[in-house]
Amino acid sequence: LAATNGVAHAIDAVILPPSMSEAAEDEMMDAKSIAEIAVEDGRFTTLVAALDAAGLVETLSSDGEYTVFAPTDDAFAKLGLDANNITGAFSKAELTDILLYHALSGEVNSDKALALLGDVTMANGQIAGLKAFDGSIFVNDDSKVIIPDVSAANGVIHVVDTVVLGPWPRIAE
């Protein structure tokens, strides 16, 4: 191909920098999606059941960048919920809203989260509060990030110990 300022060549392969090893290339190609990590982990059976019922598994398996604050089964158990009863406790629309309140568009690792402290708009359009206390990140004061920065092919997972509940800010009773 000719260009006015030189020559351009068309190629049919991805060129990787010489510093990228074959192992790193294989790892990049084999990275699992957020949904795959949740399914395979075993600590997120309630979350996976809710994602499936809400029709969000495909979204969290697709290309794009997402940040998910993923409640463990123990987090759901605090509300009396598990994989067997969560789909009967909420409608599909309610589950979708609840689950999207656990997600941000874009990849927000813990360093970036610490820079974003304050109010953030979750994927359902509602506001949540990101705070840092004693070296940990919290969502809406109650949900503590217990395992940060689980890298996925399409974003990042922060494991939380409590289901993120709205609305935010909380109104004193």
Protein backbone atom coordinates (compact mmCIF):
# COMPACT_ATOMS: atom_id res chain seq x y z
CA LEU A 1 0.00 0.00 0.00
CA ALA A 2 1.32 3.39 -0.90
CA ALA A 3 1.01 6.38 1.38
CA THR A 4 1.97 10.00 0.88
CA ASN A 5 4.41 9.93 3.78
CA GLY A 6 5.94 6.50 3.30
CA VAL A 7 4.81 2.93 2.82
CA ALA A 8 2.16 1.04 4.79
CA HIS A 9 1.99 -2.74 4.81
CA ALA A 10 -1.14 -4.83 5.36
CA ILE A 11 -0.67 -7.80 7.67
CA ASP A 12 -2.92 -10.66 8.65
CA ALA A 13 -1.56 -11.41 12.14
CA VAL A 14 -1.28 -9.77 15.53
CA ILE A 15 2.21 -8.51 16.22
CA LEU A 16 3.23 -8.92 19.84
CA PRO A 17 6.12 -7.10 21.43
CA PRO A 18 9.28 -9.20 21.74
CA SER A 19 9.06 -8.95 25.53
CA MET A 20 5.79 -10.92 25.58
CA SER A 21 6.62 -14.54 26.14
CA GLU A 22 4.72 -17.39 24.59
CA ALA A 23 3.37 -18.26 28.05
CA ALA A 24 2.06 -14.71 28.52
CA GLU A 25 0.47 -14.83 25.07
CA ASP A 26 -1.20 -18.17 25.90
CA GLU A 27 -2.43 -16.79 29.24
CA MET A 28 -3.90 -13.74 27.51
CA MET A 29 -5.74 -15.95 25.02
CA ASP A 30 -6.97 -18.35 27.75
CA ALA A 31 -8.23 -15.71 30.22
CA LYS A 32 -11.67 -16.53 31.55
CA SER A 33 -14.63 -14.16 31.55
CA ILE A 34 -16.20 -12.81 34.73
CA ALA A 35 -19.06 -15.29 34.34
CA GLU A 36 -16.71 -18.26 33.81
CA ILE A 37 -14.70 -17.36 36.91
CA ALA A 38 -17.88 -17.09 39.01
CA VAL A 39 -19.20 -20.45 37.76
CA GLU A 40 -15.91 -22.29 38.25
CA ASP A 41 -15.00 -20.80 41.65
CA GLY A 42 -17.65 -22.56 43.75
CA ARG A 43 -18.17 -19.69 46.24
CA PHE A 44 -20.68 -17.92 44.00
CA THR A 45 -23.47 -20.46 43.37
CA THR A 46 -26.16 -18.02 44.55
CA LEU A 47 -24.75 -15.21 42.41
CA VAL A 48 -24.56 -17.51 39.38
CA ALA A 49 -28.18 -18.67 39.90
CA ALA A 50 -29.28 -15.02 40.10
CA LEU A 51 -27.24 -14.04 37.02
CA ASP A 52 -28.76 -16.94 35.09
CA ALA A 53 -32.32 -16.05 36.13
CA ALA A 54 -31.75 -12.40 35.23
CA GLY A 55 -30.25 -13.29 31.84
CA LEU A 56 -26.92 -11.61 32.66
CA VAL A 57 -24.55 -14.57 32.26
CA GLU A 58 -24.12 -13.84 28.56
CA THR A 59 -23.39 -10.17 29.28
CA LEU A 60 -20.67 -11.07 31.77
CA SER A 61 -19.27 -13.60 29.29
CA SER A 62 -19.05 -11.12 26.43
CA ASP A 63 -16.44 -8.66 25.31
CA GLY A 64 -16.41 -5.36 27.09
CA GLU A 65 -15.03 -4.15 30.35
CA TYR A 66 -16.90 -4.58 33.61
CA THR A 67 -16.21 -4.31 37.30
CA VAL A 68 -18.28 -6.64 39.48
CA PHE A 69 -18.53 -6.50 43.25
CA ALA A 70 -19.34 -10.20 43.64
CA PRO A 71 -21.09 -11.35 46.82
CA THR A 72 -20.12 -14.81 48.03
CA ASP A 73 -22.66 -17.46 49.00
CA ASP A 74 -21.98 -16.46 52.63
CA ALA A 75 -22.92 -12.86 51.78
CA PHE A 76 -26.28 -13.98 50.35
CA ALA A 77 -26.81 -16.30 53.33
CA LYS A 78 -26.81 -13.23 55.61
CA LEU A 79 -30.11 -12.35 53.87
CA GLY A 80 -31.42 -15.92 54.02
CA LEU A 81 -30.80 -16.41 50.30
CA ASP A 82 -29.13 -19.26 48.45
CA ALA A 83 -29.05 -20.75 44.96
CA ASN A 84 -32.26 -22.68 45.65
CA ASN A 85 -34.45 -19.78 46.79
CA ILE A 86 -33.11 -16.57 45.24
CA THR A 87 -35.02 -16.94 41.99
CA GLY A 88 -38.29 -17.37 43.88
CA ALA A 89 -37.59 -14.40 46.14
CA PHE A 90 -37.33 -11.85 43.31
CA SER A 91 -38.73 -11.28 39.84
CA LYS A 92 -36.39 -11.21 36.85
CA ALA A 93 -36.58 -7.39 36.80
CA GLU A 94 -35.77 -7.16 40.53
CA LEU A 95 -32.83 -9.56 40.18
CA THR A 96 -31.51 -7.59 37.22
CA ASP A 97 -31.69 -4.34 39.19
CA ILE A 98 -30.03 -5.89 42.26
CA LEU A 99 -27.24 -7.46 40.22
CA LEU A 100 -26.56 -4.34 38.16
CA TYR A 101 -26.19 -2.48 41.46
CA HIS A 102 -23.10 -4.69 41.96
CA ALA A 103 -21.44 -3.63 38.70
CA LEU A 104 -19.67 -0.70 37.10
CA SER A 105 -19.09 -0.16 33.41
CA GLY A 106 -15.39 -0.27 32.70
CA GLU A 107 -12.56 -1.94 34.49
CA VAL A 108 -11.91 -0.45 37.94
CA ASN A 109 -9.09 -2.16 39.81
CA SER A 110 -8.55 -1.38 43.49
CA ASP A 111 -6.03 1.40 42.78
CA LYS A 112 -8.51 3.12 40.49
CA ALA A 113 -11.33 2.53 43.01
CA LEU A 114 -9.26 4.30 45.65
CA ALA A 115 -8.92 7.25 43.26
CA LEU A 116 -12.71 7.23 42.66
CA LEU A 117 -13.72 7.29 46.32
CA GLY A 118 -17.10 8.89 46.79
CA ASP A 119 -20.32 8.48 44.87
CA VAL A 120 -20.24 6.33 41.73
CA THR A 121 -22.98 5.42 39.28
CA MET A 122 -23.56 1.69 39.15
CA ALA A 123 -24.67 -0.19 36.02
CA ASN A 124 -28.35 0.12 37.02
CA GLY A 125 -28.04 3.93 37.06
CA GLN A 126 -28.23 4.25 40.85
CA ILE A 127 -25.60 5.83 43.07
CA ALA A 128 -23.38 3.81 45.41
CA GLY A 129 -20.66 5.02 47.73
CA LEU A 130 -17.06 3.80 47.50
CA LYS A 131 -15.07 4.31 50.69
CA ALA A 132 -11.74 3.23 52.07
CA PHE A 133 -11.25 2.37 55.71
CA ASP A 134 -8.38 0.67 57.45
CA GLY A 135 -6.82 -0.45 54.16
CA SER A 136 -10.02 -1.95 52.72
CA ILE A 137 -12.52 -0.77 50.12
CA PHE A 138 -16.21 -0.70 51.03
CA VAL A 139 -19.33 -0.23 48.92
CA ASN A 140 -22.17 1.58 50.75
CA ASP A 141 -20.37 1.19 54.09
CA ASP A 142 -21.49 -2.45 54.55
CA SER A 143 -19.96 -4.43 51.69
CA LYS A 144 -16.26 -4.97 52.30
CA VAL A 145 -14.01 -6.02 49.44
CA ILE A 146 -12.40 -9.17 50.85
CA ILE A 147 -10.60 -10.27 47.67
CA PRO A 148 -9.71 -7.41 45.32
CA ASP A 149 -8.57 -7.43 41.72
CA VAL A 150 -9.54 -10.86 40.39
CA SER A 151 -8.57 -10.32 36.77
CA ALA A 152 -10.88 -11.57 34.01
CA ALA A 153 -10.74 -11.37 30.23
CA ASN A 154 -13.54 -8.79 30.28
CA GLY A 155 -12.88 -6.87 33.47
CA VAL A 156 -12.23 -7.30 37.15
CA ILE A 157 -14.00 -8.91 40.09
CA HIS A 158 -13.86 -7.63 43.65
CA VAL A 159 -15.26 -10.25 46.04
CA VAL A 160 -17.47 -8.70 48.75
CA ASP A 161 -18.62 -10.14 52.07
CA THR A 162 -22.10 -8.55 52.02
CA VAL A 163 -24.71 -8.03 49.31
CA VAL A 164 -24.62 -4.38 48.23
CA LEU A 165 -27.88 -2.77 49.27
CA GLY A 166 -29.22 0.63 48.26
CA PRO A 167 -30.29 3.29 48.26
CA TRP A 168 -27.27 5.48 48.75
CA PRO A 169 -26.73 7.74 50.58
CA ARG A 170 -28.48 6.19 53.53
CA ILE A 171 -31.05 8.32 55.28
CA ALA A 172 -30.73 8.33 59.08
CA GLU A 173 -33.78 6.88 60.75
